[in-house]
Amino acid sequence: MGSELEVRPLLESDDRGSFSCGQADLDRFFHHFAGQNQFKHHLSVTYVAVAEEVILGFATVTAGAVLREDLPLGAKRPPNYPLPVLRLARIGVDLRAQKAGVGKALLRHVLLLALKQRDSAGCVGLVTDAKPEAVGFYERHGFIALEDVREGTLLQGEPVPMFLPIDIVAATE
């Protein structure tokens, strides 16, 4: 990847057809639903990492809320009602660009979005449901597994709810 990587919102005109991260469910979402969710239903926004007009990765975010008792907020005692978070709903990196820093660039962009949300509408942190093979990636970036958010026993291959407090996000900037 010798060219400059740009992270920007998905455009309706973007060609998503050649993207493949190797996970059928993520590819299907990106090809068929990311645009609908963003442009038609206004449920989420997908950001793409682009180099030389080729989409090398994507991250989809949406607004969310969590209950105070589900978060490891330590000494902080926020009000006892749902707390605003930015939810990282999906992230994928094309097979041609994996291990080249695209995922890290997308996550950095999402962290900046969380800070903007904190300042414009309120945000106590970033939440994601990590695939088991991605838990280490998120842990290296400061995310904490939310053990109490799961219902029942975690099944093999089931996503792991994870949280990154906004204070940690702010400290990395």
N, C-alpha and C. Protein backbone atom coordinates (compact mmCIF):
# COMPACT_ATOMS: atom_id res chain seq x y z
N MET A 1 0.84 -1.18 0.00
CA MET A 1 0.00 0.00 0.00
C MET A 1 0.88 1.23 0.00
N GLY A 2 1.26 1.68 -1.16
CA GLY A 2 2.14 2.81 -1.24
C GLY A 2 1.44 4.15 -1.29
N SER A 3 0.15 4.18 -1.54
CA SER A 3 -0.54 5.46 -1.68
C SER A 3 -1.18 5.90 -0.37
N GLU A 4 -1.58 7.17 -0.34
CA GLU A 4 -2.19 7.78 0.84
C GLU A 4 -3.56 7.16 1.12
N LEU A 5 -3.80 6.82 2.37
CA LEU A 5 -5.07 6.25 2.80
C LEU A 5 -5.97 7.37 3.29
N GLU A 6 -7.19 7.42 2.76
CA GLU A 6 -8.18 8.41 3.17
C GLU A 6 -9.34 7.68 3.83
N VAL A 7 -9.79 8.18 4.98
CA VAL A 7 -10.99 7.63 5.63
C VAL A 7 -12.07 8.69 5.50
N ARG A 8 -13.19 8.28 4.91
CA ARG A 8 -14.30 9.21 4.65
C ARG A 8 -15.61 8.45 4.68
N PRO A 9 -16.73 9.18 4.75
CA PRO A 9 -18.03 8.50 4.72
C PRO A 9 -18.24 7.78 3.37
N LEU A 10 -18.94 6.67 3.42
CA LEU A 10 -19.34 5.95 2.22
C LEU A 10 -20.18 6.86 1.34
N LEU A 11 -19.96 6.81 0.04
CA LEU A 11 -20.77 7.53 -0.93
C LEU A 11 -21.67 6.54 -1.64
N GLU A 12 -22.84 6.99 -2.06
CA GLU A 12 -23.74 6.10 -2.80
C GLU A 12 -23.07 5.59 -4.07
N SER A 13 -22.19 6.37 -4.64
CA SER A 13 -21.53 6.01 -5.90
C SER A 13 -20.33 5.08 -5.72
N ASP A 14 -19.93 4.80 -4.47
CA ASP A 14 -18.77 3.93 -4.24
C ASP A 14 -19.02 2.52 -4.76
N ASP A 15 -18.00 1.96 -5.41
CA ASP A 15 -18.06 0.58 -5.89
C ASP A 15 -17.63 -0.34 -4.75
N ARG A 16 -18.59 -1.08 -4.21
CA ARG A 16 -18.30 -1.99 -3.10
C ARG A 16 -18.15 -3.43 -3.55
N GLY A 17 -18.37 -3.68 -4.84
CA GLY A 17 -18.44 -5.04 -5.35
C GLY A 17 -17.18 -5.86 -5.23
N SER A 18 -16.01 -5.26 -5.31
CA SER A 18 -14.77 -6.04 -5.27
C SER A 18 -14.23 -6.22 -3.86
N PHE A 19 -14.88 -5.61 -2.86
CA PHE A 19 -14.40 -5.72 -1.48
C PHE A 19 -14.66 -7.11 -0.93
N SER A 20 -13.65 -7.68 -0.28
CA SER A 20 -13.82 -8.94 0.44
C SER A 20 -12.84 -9.00 1.60
N CYS A 21 -13.38 -9.15 2.78
CA CYS A 21 -12.53 -9.28 3.97
C CYS A 21 -12.36 -10.74 4.37
N GLY A 22 -13.01 -11.64 3.64
CA GLY A 22 -12.88 -13.06 3.93
C GLY A 22 -13.92 -13.57 4.90
N GLN A 23 -14.81 -12.70 5.38
CA GLN A 23 -15.90 -13.12 6.27
C GLN A 23 -17.21 -12.83 5.55
N ALA A 24 -17.91 -13.88 5.18
CA ALA A 24 -19.10 -13.75 4.34
C ALA A 24 -20.14 -12.80 4.93
N ASP A 25 -20.35 -12.85 6.25
CA ASP A 25 -21.38 -11.99 6.85
C ASP A 25 -21.00 -10.51 6.76
N LEU A 26 -19.72 -10.18 6.96
CA LEU A 26 -19.28 -8.79 6.83
C LEU A 26 -19.33 -8.33 5.38
N ASP A 27 -18.89 -9.19 4.47
CA ASP A 27 -18.94 -8.84 3.05
C ASP A 27 -20.38 -8.60 2.60
N ARG A 28 -21.29 -9.48 3.01
CA ARG A 28 -22.70 -9.34 2.64
C ARG A 28 -23.27 -8.02 3.18
N PHE A 29 -22.96 -7.71 4.45
CA PHE A 29 -23.42 -6.45 5.02
C PHE A 29 -22.91 -5.28 4.19
N PHE A 30 -21.62 -5.25 3.93
CA PHE A 30 -21.03 -4.12 3.22
C PHE A 30 -21.59 -3.99 1.80
N HIS A 31 -21.73 -5.09 1.08
CA HIS A 31 -22.23 -5.06 -0.29
C HIS A 31 -23.70 -4.66 -0.37
N HIS A 32 -24.53 -5.18 0.55
CA HIS A 32 -25.98 -5.07 0.39
C HIS A 32 -26.69 -4.15 1.39
N PHE A 33 -26.14 -3.97 2.58
CA PHE A 33 -26.90 -3.26 3.62
C PHE A 33 -26.29 -1.96 4.12
N ALA A 34 -24.99 -1.79 3.98
CA ALA A 34 -24.35 -0.57 4.49
C ALA A 34 -24.96 0.67 3.86
N GLY A 35 -25.14 0.64 2.56
CA GLY A 35 -25.73 1.78 1.86
C GLY A 35 -27.18 2.01 2.25
N GLN A 36 -27.97 0.94 2.32
CA GLN A 36 -29.38 1.07 2.72
C GLN A 36 -29.49 1.66 4.12
N ASN A 37 -28.68 1.14 5.05
CA ASN A 37 -28.74 1.62 6.42
C ASN A 37 -28.34 3.09 6.54
N GLN A 38 -27.42 3.52 5.68
CA GLN A 38 -26.95 4.90 5.73
C GLN A 38 -27.84 5.86 4.96
N PHE A 39 -28.15 5.55 3.73
CA PHE A 39 -28.82 6.50 2.85
C PHE A 39 -30.34 6.43 2.88
N LYS A 40 -30.89 5.25 3.13
CA LYS A 40 -32.34 5.08 3.11
C LYS A 40 -32.96 5.10 4.51
N HIS A 41 -32.40 4.32 5.42
CA HIS A 41 -32.99 4.16 6.75
C HIS A 41 -32.38 5.08 7.80
N HIS A 42 -31.20 5.63 7.54
CA HIS A 42 -30.51 6.53 8.47
C HIS A 42 -30.27 5.88 9.83
N LEU A 43 -29.87 4.61 9.80
CA LEU A 43 -29.61 3.84 11.03
C LEU A 43 -28.16 3.91 11.47
N SER A 44 -27.28 4.11 10.50
CA SER A 44 -25.85 4.08 10.78
C SER A 44 -25.12 4.84 9.69
N VAL A 45 -23.83 5.05 9.93
CA VAL A 45 -22.96 5.65 8.91
C VAL A 45 -21.77 4.72 8.75
N THR A 46 -21.43 4.46 7.51
CA THR A 46 -20.27 3.63 7.22
C THR A 46 -19.16 4.53 6.69
N TYR A 47 -17.98 4.36 7.26
CA TYR A 47 -16.79 5.08 6.82
C TYR A 47 -15.91 4.09 6.07
N VAL A 48 -15.29 4.55 5.00
CA VAL A 48 -14.45 3.68 4.20
C VAL A 48 -13.02 4.20 4.19
N ALA A 49 -12.09 3.27 4.17
CA ALA A 49 -10.67 3.59 3.99
C ALA A 49 -10.37 3.34 2.52
N VAL A 50 -9.94 4.39 1.84
CA VAL A 50 -9.78 4.35 0.38
C VAL A 50 -8.35 4.74 0.01
N ALA A 51 -7.77 4.01 -0.92
CA ALA A 51 -6.48 4.36 -1.52
C ALA A 51 -6.61 4.14 -3.02
N GLU A 52 -6.25 5.14 -3.79
CA GLU A 52 -6.33 5.06 -5.25
C GLU A 52 -7.72 4.62 -5.71
N GLU A 53 -8.74 5.18 -5.07
CA GLU A 53 -10.15 4.94 -5.38
C GLU A 53 -10.62 3.50 -5.13
N VAL A 54 -9.83 2.73 -4.40
CA VAL A 54 -10.19 1.36 -4.05
C VAL A 54 -10.51 1.32 -2.56
N ILE A 55 -11.66 0.74 -2.21
CA ILE A 55 -12.05 0.61 -0.81
C ILE A 55 -11.28 -0.56 -0.20
N LEU A 56 -10.48 -0.23 0.81
CA LEU A 56 -9.64 -1.23 1.47
C LEU A 56 -10.19 -1.65 2.83
N GLY A 57 -11.17 -0.90 3.34
CA GLY A 57 -11.75 -1.26 4.62
C GLY A 57 -12.95 -0.40 4.91
N PHE A 58 -13.73 -0.81 5.90
CA PHE A 58 -14.90 -0.02 6.29
C PHE A 58 -15.15 -0.20 7.78
N ALA A 59 -15.79 0.80 8.35
CA ALA A 59 -16.25 0.75 9.75
C ALA A 59 -17.63 1.39 9.78
N THR A 60 -18.57 0.71 10.38
CA THR A 60 -19.93 1.22 10.50
C THR A 60 -20.20 1.58 11.95
N VAL A 61 -20.71 2.79 12.17
CA VAL A 61 -21.01 3.25 13.52
C VAL A 61 -22.47 3.66 13.61
N THR A 62 -22.97 3.62 14.82
CA THR A 62 -24.33 4.03 15.10
C THR A 62 -24.39 4.55 16.54
N ALA A 63 -25.38 5.35 16.82
CA ALA A 63 -25.57 5.82 18.18
C ALA A 63 -26.11 4.67 19.02
N GLY A 64 -25.80 4.69 20.29
CA GLY A 64 -26.29 3.65 21.17
C GLY A 64 -26.38 4.15 22.60
N ALA A 65 -26.83 3.27 23.46
CA ALA A 65 -26.91 3.58 24.89
C ALA A 65 -26.66 2.29 25.67
N VAL A 66 -26.11 2.45 26.85
CA VAL A 66 -25.90 1.33 27.75
C VAL A 66 -26.37 1.75 29.14
N LEU A 67 -26.66 0.76 29.95
CA LEU A 67 -27.07 1.03 31.33
C LEU A 67 -25.84 1.23 32.21
N ARG A 68 -25.94 2.12 33.16
CA ARG A 68 -24.83 2.43 34.05
C ARG A 68 -24.26 1.17 34.69
N GLU A 69 -25.13 0.29 35.14
CA GLU A 69 -24.65 -0.91 35.85
C GLU A 69 -23.90 -1.88 34.95
N ASP A 70 -23.99 -1.71 33.64
CA ASP A 70 -23.28 -2.60 32.72
C ASP A 70 -21.86 -2.14 32.42
N LEU A 71 -21.50 -0.93 32.86
CA LEU A 71 -20.21 -0.37 32.52
C LEU A 71 -19.24 -0.37 33.70
N PRO A 72 -17.96 -0.62 33.41
CA PRO A 72 -16.93 -0.56 34.46
C PRO A 72 -16.42 0.89 34.58
N LEU A 73 -17.23 1.77 35.15
CA LEU A 73 -16.88 3.18 35.21
C LEU A 73 -16.13 3.55 36.49
N GLY A 74 -15.84 2.59 37.35
CA GLY A 74 -15.06 2.85 38.54
C GLY A 74 -15.76 3.81 39.49
N ALA A 75 -15.01 4.83 39.94
CA ALA A 75 -15.53 5.78 40.94
C ALA A 75 -16.58 6.72 40.36
N LYS A 76 -16.62 6.86 39.06
CA LYS A 76 -17.61 7.75 38.45
C LYS A 76 -19.00 7.16 38.61
N ARG A 77 -19.92 7.98 39.03
CA ARG A 77 -21.30 7.52 39.20
C ARG A 77 -22.22 8.40 38.38
N PRO A 78 -22.36 8.10 37.11
CA PRO A 78 -23.26 8.90 36.28
C PRO A 78 -24.72 8.64 36.66
N PRO A 79 -25.62 9.45 36.14
CA PRO A 79 -27.05 9.26 36.43
C PRO A 79 -27.51 7.84 36.08
N ASN A 80 -28.55 7.41 36.74
CA ASN A 80 -29.06 6.06 36.55
C ASN A 80 -30.11 6.01 35.44
N TYR A 81 -29.70 6.30 34.23
CA TYR A 81 -30.54 6.12 33.04
C TYR A 81 -29.61 5.75 31.90
N PRO A 82 -30.13 5.31 30.77
CA PRO A 82 -29.25 4.88 29.68
C PRO A 82 -28.24 5.98 29.31
N LEU A 83 -26.99 5.56 29.17
CA LEU A 83 -25.89 6.47 28.90
C LEU A 83 -25.51 6.41 27.42
N PRO A 84 -25.26 7.55 26.79
CA PRO A 84 -24.96 7.57 25.37
C PRO A 84 -23.57 7.02 25.06
N VAL A 85 -23.50 6.19 24.03
CA VAL A 85 -22.24 5.64 23.54
C VAL A 85 -22.24 5.70 22.02
N LEU A 86 -21.07 5.58 21.45
CA LEU A 86 -20.94 5.36 20.02
C LEU A 86 -20.70 3.87 19.86
N ARG A 87 -21.50 3.23 19.03
CA ARG A 87 -21.37 1.79 18.80
C ARG A 87 -20.64 1.54 17.49
N LEU A 88 -19.53 0.83 17.60
CA LEU A 88 -18.82 0.36 16.41
C LEU A 88 -19.51 -0.95 16.02
N ALA A 89 -20.39 -0.86 15.03
CA ALA A 89 -21.24 -1.99 14.68
C ALA A 89 -20.49 -3.05 13.87
N ARG A 90 -19.67 -2.61 12.93
CA ARG A 90 -18.94 -3.54 12.07
C ARG A 90 -17.65 -2.87 11.60
N ILE A 91 -16.64 -3.71 11.39
CA ILE A 91 -15.39 -3.23 10.81
C ILE A 91 -14.82 -4.38 9.99
N GLY A 92 -14.32 -4.05 8.81
CA GLY A 92 -13.74 -5.07 7.95
C GLY A 92 -12.63 -4.49 7.11
N VAL A 93 -11.61 -5.30 6.86
CA VAL A 93 -10.48 -4.88 6.04
C VAL A 93 -10.34 -5.88 4.89
N ASP A 94 -10.24 -5.35 3.69
CA ASP A 94 -10.09 -6.19 2.50
C ASP A 94 -8.88 -7.11 2.64
N LEU A 95 -9.01 -8.33 2.13
CA LEU A 95 -7.92 -9.30 2.21
C LEU A 95 -6.62 -8.75 1.63
N ARG A 96 -6.71 -7.91 0.61
CA ARG A 96 -5.51 -7.34 -0.03
C ARG A 96 -4.80 -6.33 0.86
N ALA A 97 -5.46 -5.86 1.94
CA ALA A 97 -4.88 -4.80 2.76
C ALA A 97 -4.74 -5.19 4.23
N GLN A 98 -5.00 -6.44 4.56
CA GLN A 98 -4.90 -6.83 5.96
C GLN A 98 -3.44 -6.79 6.42
N LYS A 99 -3.26 -6.45 7.67
CA LYS A 99 -1.94 -6.30 8.30
C LYS A 99 -1.17 -5.10 7.75
N ALA A 100 -1.87 -4.13 7.15
CA ALA A 100 -1.21 -2.94 6.59
C ALA A 100 -1.63 -1.67 7.33
N GLY A 101 -2.29 -1.80 8.47
CA GLY A 101 -2.67 -0.63 9.27
C GLY A 101 -4.02 -0.03 8.92
N VAL A 102 -4.77 -0.65 8.03
CA VAL A 102 -6.08 -0.13 7.63
C VAL A 102 -7.07 -0.21 8.80
N GLY A 103 -7.10 -1.34 9.48
CA GLY A 103 -7.99 -1.49 10.63
C GLY A 103 -7.68 -0.48 11.72
N LYS A 104 -6.40 -0.25 11.96
CA LYS A 104 -5.97 0.72 12.96
C LYS A 104 -6.41 2.14 12.55
N ALA A 105 -6.27 2.47 11.27
CA ALA A 105 -6.68 3.79 10.77
C ALA A 105 -8.20 3.97 10.92
N LEU A 106 -8.96 2.94 10.63
CA LEU A 106 -10.41 3.01 10.78
C LEU A 106 -10.79 3.17 12.25
N LEU A 107 -10.14 2.41 13.14
CA LEU A 107 -10.45 2.53 14.56
C LEU A 107 -10.10 3.93 15.06
N ARG A 108 -8.98 4.47 14.62
CA ARG A 108 -8.60 5.83 15.03
C ARG A 108 -9.67 6.83 14.60
N HIS A 109 -10.19 6.67 13.40
CA HIS A 109 -11.24 7.56 12.91
C HIS A 109 -12.50 7.44 13.79
N VAL A 110 -12.84 6.23 14.16
CA VAL A 110 -14.02 6.00 15.01
C VAL A 110 -13.80 6.63 16.40
N LEU A 111 -12.59 6.54 16.92
CA LEU A 111 -12.28 7.17 18.21
C LEU A 111 -12.48 8.68 18.13
N LEU A 112 -12.06 9.28 17.03
CA LEU A 112 -12.27 10.72 16.84
C LEU A 112 -13.76 11.05 16.77
N LEU A 113 -14.54 10.18 16.13
CA LEU A 113 -15.99 10.37 16.09
C LEU A 113 -16.60 10.31 17.49
N ALA A 114 -16.09 9.41 18.33
CA ALA A 114 -16.60 9.31 19.71
C ALA A 114 -16.32 10.60 20.48
N LEU A 115 -15.14 11.18 20.26
CA LEU A 115 -14.82 12.45 20.92
C LEU A 115 -15.73 13.58 20.43
N LYS A 116 -16.00 13.59 19.13
CA LYS A 116 -16.92 14.61 18.60
C LYS A 116 -18.32 14.42 19.17
N GLN A 117 -18.76 13.17 19.29
CA GLN A 117 -20.08 12.92 19.88
C GLN A 117 -20.09 13.36 21.34
N ARG A 118 -19.01 13.08 22.07
CA ARG A 118 -18.93 13.51 23.48
C ARG A 118 -19.16 15.02 23.58
N ASP A 119 -18.54 15.77 22.67
CA ASP A 119 -18.60 17.22 22.74
C ASP A 119 -19.87 17.82 22.16
N SER A 120 -20.54 17.09 21.29
CA SER A 120 -21.73 17.66 20.64
C SER A 120 -23.06 17.11 21.17
N ALA A 121 -23.07 15.86 21.66
CA ALA A 121 -24.33 15.27 22.08
C ALA A 121 -24.20 14.41 23.34
N GLY A 122 -22.98 14.15 23.77
CA GLY A 122 -22.74 13.31 24.93
C GLY A 122 -22.32 11.90 24.52
N CYS A 123 -21.32 11.38 25.21
CA CYS A 123 -20.82 10.04 24.91
C CYS A 123 -19.90 9.60 26.05
N VAL A 124 -20.19 8.47 26.67
CA VAL A 124 -19.35 7.98 27.76
C VAL A 124 -18.31 6.98 27.26
N GLY A 125 -18.40 6.57 26.00
CA GLY A 125 -17.41 5.65 25.47
C GLY A 125 -17.86 4.98 24.19
N LEU A 126 -17.04 4.04 23.78
CA LEU A 126 -17.24 3.30 22.54
C LEU A 126 -17.55 1.85 22.91
N VAL A 127 -18.58 1.28 22.27
CA VAL A 127 -18.98 -0.10 22.50
C VAL A 127 -18.89 -0.86 21.19
N THR A 128 -18.45 -2.10 21.27
CA THR A 128 -18.45 -2.97 20.09
C THR A 128 -18.74 -4.39 20.52
N ASP A 129 -19.21 -5.19 19.60
CA ASP A 129 -19.38 -6.62 19.81
C ASP A 129 -18.30 -7.31 18.99
N ALA A 130 -17.20 -7.64 19.65
CA ALA A 130 -16.02 -8.17 18.97
C ALA A 130 -16.18 -9.64 18.65
N LYS A 131 -15.82 -9.99 17.44
CA LYS A 131 -15.74 -11.41 17.11
C LYS A 131 -14.59 -12.00 17.95
N PRO A 132 -14.71 -13.25 18.38
CA PRO A 132 -13.68 -13.82 19.27
C PRO A 132 -12.25 -13.65 18.74
N GLU A 133 -12.06 -13.77 17.43
CA GLU A 133 -10.71 -13.64 16.88
C GLU A 133 -10.21 -12.20 16.87
N ALA A 134 -11.09 -11.23 17.13
CA ALA A 134 -10.70 -9.82 17.15
C ALA A 134 -10.56 -9.25 18.56
N VAL A 135 -10.86 -10.04 19.59
CA VAL A 135 -10.81 -9.55 20.97
C VAL A 135 -9.43 -9.00 21.30
N GLY A 136 -8.38 -9.68 20.90
CA GLY A 136 -7.02 -9.22 21.18
C GLY A 136 -6.73 -7.86 20.56
N PHE A 137 -7.21 -7.63 19.34
CA PHE A 137 -7.05 -6.32 18.67
C PHE A 137 -7.66 -5.22 19.53
N TYR A 138 -8.89 -5.45 19.98
CA TYR A 138 -9.57 -4.44 20.79
C TYR A 138 -8.91 -4.28 22.15
N GLU A 139 -8.48 -5.36 22.77
CA GLU A 139 -7.81 -5.26 24.07
C GLU A 139 -6.52 -4.45 23.96
N ARG A 140 -5.77 -4.62 22.88
CA ARG A 140 -4.54 -3.84 22.68
C ARG A 140 -4.83 -2.35 22.57
N HIS A 141 -6.07 -1.99 22.24
CA HIS A 141 -6.45 -0.59 22.11
C HIS A 141 -7.22 -0.09 23.34
N GLY A 142 -7.23 -0.89 24.42
CA GLY A 142 -7.81 -0.43 25.68
C GLY A 142 -9.23 -0.85 25.96
N PHE A 143 -9.86 -1.59 25.05
CA PHE A 143 -11.24 -2.06 25.29
C PHE A 143 -11.27 -3.08 26.41
N ILE A 144 -12.37 -3.08 27.15
CA ILE A 144 -12.59 -3.98 28.27
C ILE A 144 -13.81 -4.84 27.95
N ALA A 145 -13.69 -6.16 28.16
CA ALA A 145 -14.84 -7.05 27.95
C ALA A 145 -15.91 -6.73 28.99
N LEU A 146 -17.15 -6.70 28.54
CA LEU A 146 -18.30 -6.44 29.43
C LEU A 146 -18.95 -7.78 29.77
N GLU A 147 -18.41 -8.42 30.78
CA GLU A 147 -18.87 -9.75 31.16
C GLU A 147 -20.35 -9.79 31.51
N ASP A 148 -20.85 -8.76 32.20
CA ASP A 148 -22.21 -8.78 32.70
C ASP A 148 -23.26 -8.45 31.65
N VAL A 149 -22.84 -8.02 30.45
CA VAL A 149 -23.81 -7.62 29.42
C VAL A 149 -24.35 -8.84 28.69
N ARG A 150 -23.59 -9.92 28.67
CA ARG A 150 -24.03 -11.12 27.97
C ARG A 150 -25.22 -11.76 28.67
N GLU A 151 -26.05 -12.38 27.89
CA GLU A 151 -27.16 -13.15 28.45
C GLU A 151 -26.79 -14.62 28.35
N GLY A 152 -26.64 -15.27 29.46
CA GLY A 152 -26.30 -16.69 29.46
C GLY A 152 -24.83 -16.92 29.21
N THR A 153 -24.50 -18.14 28.82
CA THR A 153 -23.13 -18.55 28.60
C THR A 153 -22.68 -18.15 27.20
N LEU A 154 -21.46 -17.68 27.11
CA LEU A 154 -20.89 -17.31 25.82
C LEU A 154 -20.65 -18.57 25.00
N LEU A 155 -21.22 -18.62 23.81
CA LEU A 155 -21.02 -19.75 22.93
C LEU A 155 -19.79 -19.52 22.06
N GLN A 156 -19.18 -20.61 21.62
CA GLN A 156 -18.00 -20.48 20.76
C GLN A 156 -18.38 -19.73 19.49
N GLY A 157 -17.60 -18.70 19.16
CA GLY A 157 -17.86 -17.91 17.97
C GLY A 157 -18.81 -16.75 18.19
N GLU A 158 -19.38 -16.64 19.38
CA GLU A 158 -20.33 -15.57 19.69
C GLU A 158 -19.57 -14.27 19.98
N PRO A 159 -20.08 -13.12 19.54
CA PRO A 159 -19.39 -11.85 19.79
C PRO A 159 -19.24 -11.55 21.28
N VAL A 160 -18.16 -10.84 21.60
CA VAL A 160 -17.86 -10.44 22.97
C VAL A 160 -18.13 -8.94 23.10
N PRO A 161 -19.10 -8.51 23.91
CA PRO A 161 -19.33 -7.08 24.10
C PRO A 161 -18.11 -6.45 24.78
N MET A 162 -17.64 -5.32 24.22
CA MET A 162 -16.46 -4.65 24.76
C MET A 162 -16.71 -3.15 24.83
N PHE A 163 -16.01 -2.48 25.75
CA PHE A 163 -16.22 -1.06 26.02
C PHE A 163 -14.89 -0.35 26.17
N LEU A 164 -14.81 0.85 25.61
CA LEU A 164 -13.65 1.73 25.77
C LEU A 164 -14.15 3.05 26.33
N PRO A 165 -13.81 3.36 27.59
CA PRO A 165 -14.28 4.62 28.20
C PRO A 165 -13.77 5.84 27.43
N ILE A 166 -14.59 6.88 27.38
CA ILE A 166 -14.25 8.10 26.64
C ILE A 166 -13.00 8.77 27.23
N ASP A 167 -12.75 8.61 28.53
CA ASP A 167 -11.54 9.18 29.14
C ASP A 167 -10.27 8.56 28.54
N ILE A 168 -10.32 7.28 28.26
CA ILE A 168 -9.16 6.62 27.63
C ILE A 168 -9.04 7.09 26.19
N VAL A 169 -10.16 7.24 25.50
CA VAL A 169 -10.13 7.76 24.13
C VAL A 169 -9.47 9.14 24.13
N ALA A 170 -9.91 10.01 25.02
CA ALA A 170 -9.39 11.38 25.08
C ALA A 170 -7.91 11.40 25.41
N ALA A 171 -7.46 10.48 26.25
CA ALA A 171 -6.05 10.44 26.65
C ALA A 171 -5.13 10.00 25.51
N THR A 172 -5.68 9.31 24.54
CA THR A 172 -4.85 8.85 23.40
C THR A 172 -4.70 9.92 22.34
N GLU A 173 -5.47 11.00 22.45
CA GLU A 173 -5.40 12.07 21.43
C GLU A 173 -4.33 13.05 21.74
